[in-house]
Amino acid sequence: MQELDKKDCELLNAARAAIIKNYDGEKFMHTVGAAVRCADGKIFTGVNVYSVHGACAEQVALGAAITNGERDFAAVVAVRGSDGEEILPPCGNCRQMLCDYAQDCMVILGTAQGPRKVPARELLPFAYTVE
C-alpha cells in the first residue's frame, strides 16, 4: 500500500464535494460520492443512484469519464456520509468493473494507518478478464 500524494488528496476532496452537494439523508437515494482521476489529470465525479438496479458512485464517475472520451485512469476513491469522511472500498461489482476498465488504476482505501492506495487489480484476485 502506498501513501497518498497531493493529487490523491485533491481527488478525495472532489469525491467529498460531490456527496456534500448531493447527500440525501431523507430517502437515502444518494449517500456515496466518488471521483476518478484520469491519466491526463482530469477529474470526474459521481454519486450513487439508488434503485432496484442502482449504480454505485464509482460506476457513475467512471461512466462520466468514459462518456467524455477518457480511457486511461490513474486513481479512484469513494466516500460515504453527509460530509464524505468515510472512505469506502469498492464493492464486488465495482472491483470487477475496475478490472474490466482500469486494472492499473490506484484505488484509495481507508486503513487503520489512514488513507492508502493500491492497484485495482490487487482487489480482485483471480478476476475474470477477457484477454
Protein backbone atom coordinates (compact mmCIF):
# COMPACT_ATOMS: atom_id res chain seq x y z
CA MET A 1 0.00 0.00 0.00
CA GLN A 2 1.16 3.48 -0.80
CA GLU A 3 0.59 6.77 0.98
CA LEU A 4 -1.45 9.48 -0.74
CA ASP A 5 0.14 12.36 -2.58
CA LYS A 6 -1.22 15.87 -3.24
CA LYS A 7 -3.16 14.76 -6.34
CA ASP A 8 -4.76 11.93 -4.35
CA CYS A 9 -5.86 14.39 -1.66
CA GLU A 10 -7.41 16.59 -4.37
CA LEU A 11 -9.26 13.54 -5.71
CA LEU A 12 -10.54 12.70 -2.22
CA ASN A 13 -11.75 16.27 -1.80
CA ALA A 14 -13.57 16.09 -5.17
CA ALA A 15 -15.41 12.94 -4.05
CA ARG A 16 -16.33 14.63 -0.78
CA ALA A 17 -17.60 17.71 -2.62
CA ALA A 18 -19.80 15.51 -4.83
CA ILE A 19 -21.57 13.87 -1.89
CA ILE A 20 -21.77 17.03 0.21
CA LYS A 21 -23.59 18.67 -2.71
CA ASN A 22 -25.92 15.70 -3.27
CA TYR A 23 -26.33 13.85 0.04
CA ASP A 24 -29.90 12.69 0.60
CA GLY A 25 -30.39 11.82 4.26
CA GLU A 26 -34.16 11.56 3.89
CA LYS A 27 -34.70 8.99 1.13
CA PHE A 28 -31.06 7.80 1.02
CA MET A 29 -31.03 7.90 -2.78
CA HIS A 30 -27.54 9.46 -2.84
CA THR A 31 -25.25 8.55 0.04
CA VAL A 32 -21.92 7.83 -1.68
CA GLY A 33 -19.75 10.12 -3.76
CA ALA A 34 -16.83 9.08 -5.93
CA ALA A 35 -14.15 10.67 -8.04
CA VAL A 36 -11.89 9.25 -10.73
CA ARG A 37 -8.71 10.95 -11.93
CA CYS A 38 -7.66 10.27 -15.47
CA ALA A 39 -4.05 9.96 -16.57
CA ASP A 40 -4.23 13.48 -18.03
CA GLY A 41 -5.28 14.87 -14.62
CA LYS A 42 -8.96 15.46 -15.38
CA ILE A 43 -11.30 14.53 -12.54
CA PHE A 44 -14.83 13.20 -12.97
CA THR A 45 -17.25 12.73 -10.09
CA GLY A 46 -20.44 10.80 -9.48
CA VAL A 47 -22.90 9.83 -6.77
CA ASN A 48 -24.67 6.53 -6.31
CA VAL A 49 -28.09 6.28 -7.95
CA TYR A 50 -30.24 4.09 -5.76
CA SER A 51 -32.96 2.00 -7.38
CA VAL A 52 -33.87 -1.66 -7.74
CA HIS A 53 -30.84 -1.94 -10.05
CA GLY A 54 -28.98 1.18 -8.97
CA ALA A 55 -25.47 2.23 -9.87
CA CYS A 56 -22.58 2.76 -7.47
CA ALA A 57 -20.88 6.14 -7.34
CA GLU A 58 -17.68 4.68 -8.78
CA GLN A 59 -19.62 3.37 -11.78
CA VAL A 60 -21.25 6.76 -12.35
CA ALA A 61 -17.90 8.61 -12.12
CA LEU A 62 -16.13 6.16 -14.41
CA GLY A 63 -19.06 6.29 -16.85
CA ALA A 64 -18.86 10.10 -16.93
CA ALA A 65 -15.16 9.90 -17.74
CA ILE A 66 -15.69 7.31 -20.46
CA THR A 67 -18.57 9.35 -21.92
CA ASN A 68 -16.11 12.24 -22.24
CA GLY A 69 -13.62 10.11 -24.15
CA GLU A 70 -11.30 9.13 -21.33
CA ARG A 71 -9.83 5.61 -21.30
CA ASP A 72 -6.73 5.88 -19.10
CA PHE A 73 -7.40 6.11 -15.36
CA ALA A 74 -4.92 6.95 -12.60
CA ALA A 75 -6.93 6.79 -9.36
CA VAL A 76 -10.41 6.39 -7.90
CA VAL A 77 -11.98 6.91 -4.48
CA ALA A 78 -15.46 6.60 -2.96
CA VAL A 79 -16.72 8.25 0.22
CA ARG A 80 -19.90 7.91 2.25
CA GLY A 81 -21.95 10.15 4.51
CA SER A 82 -23.18 13.71 4.55
CA ASP A 83 -19.62 15.01 4.94
CA GLY A 84 -17.88 12.28 2.96
CA GLU A 85 -15.48 11.44 5.76
CA GLU A 86 -15.76 7.65 5.46
CA ILE A 87 -13.67 6.21 2.63
CA LEU A 88 -15.30 3.10 1.19
CA PRO A 89 -13.66 0.15 -0.54
CA PRO A 90 -15.23 -0.78 -3.87
CA CYS A 91 -17.98 -3.42 -3.74
CA GLY A 92 -17.59 -6.66 -5.68
CA ASN A 93 -19.33 -5.29 -8.78
CA CYS A 94 -17.11 -2.21 -8.76
CA ARG A 95 -13.99 -4.34 -8.32
CA GLN A 96 -14.93 -6.30 -11.43
CA MET A 97 -15.69 -3.08 -13.32
CA LEU A 98 -12.29 -1.70 -12.34
CA CYS A 99 -10.64 -4.91 -13.56
CA ASP A 100 -12.50 -4.52 -16.86
CA TYR A 101 -11.78 -0.83 -17.41
CA ALA A 102 -8.93 0.29 -15.15
CA GLN A 103 -6.96 -2.52 -13.59
CA ASP A 104 -3.82 -0.37 -13.28
CA CYS A 105 -5.78 2.44 -11.60
CA MET A 106 -4.90 3.13 -7.98
CA VAL A 107 -7.81 2.73 -5.52
CA ILE A 108 -7.79 4.86 -2.39
CA LEU A 109 -8.87 2.90 0.69
CA GLY A 110 -9.38 3.72 4.34
CA THR A 111 -7.00 1.70 6.53
CA ALA A 112 -6.00 1.61 10.19
CA GLN A 113 -2.96 3.67 9.15
CA GLY A 114 -5.12 6.24 7.35
CA PRO A 115 -5.92 6.56 3.65
CA ARG A 116 -3.71 4.43 1.39
CA LYS A 117 -3.83 3.35 -2.25
CA VAL A 118 -3.44 0.02 -4.04
CA PRO A 119 -3.73 -1.05 -7.68
CA ALA A 120 -7.28 -2.08 -8.60
CA ARG A 121 -6.06 -5.47 -9.88
CA GLU A 122 -4.99 -6.38 -6.32
CA LEU A 123 -8.55 -6.01 -5.01
CA LEU A 124 -9.98 -8.89 -7.01
CA PRO A 125 -7.65 -11.89 -7.12
CA PHE A 126 -8.46 -14.45 -9.81
CA ALA A 127 -10.70 -11.92 -11.56
CA TYR A 128 -12.48 -12.88 -14.76
CA THR A 129 -10.79 -10.98 -17.56
CA VAL A 130 -11.00 -11.01 -21.31
CA GLU A 131 -7.50 -11.10 -22.75
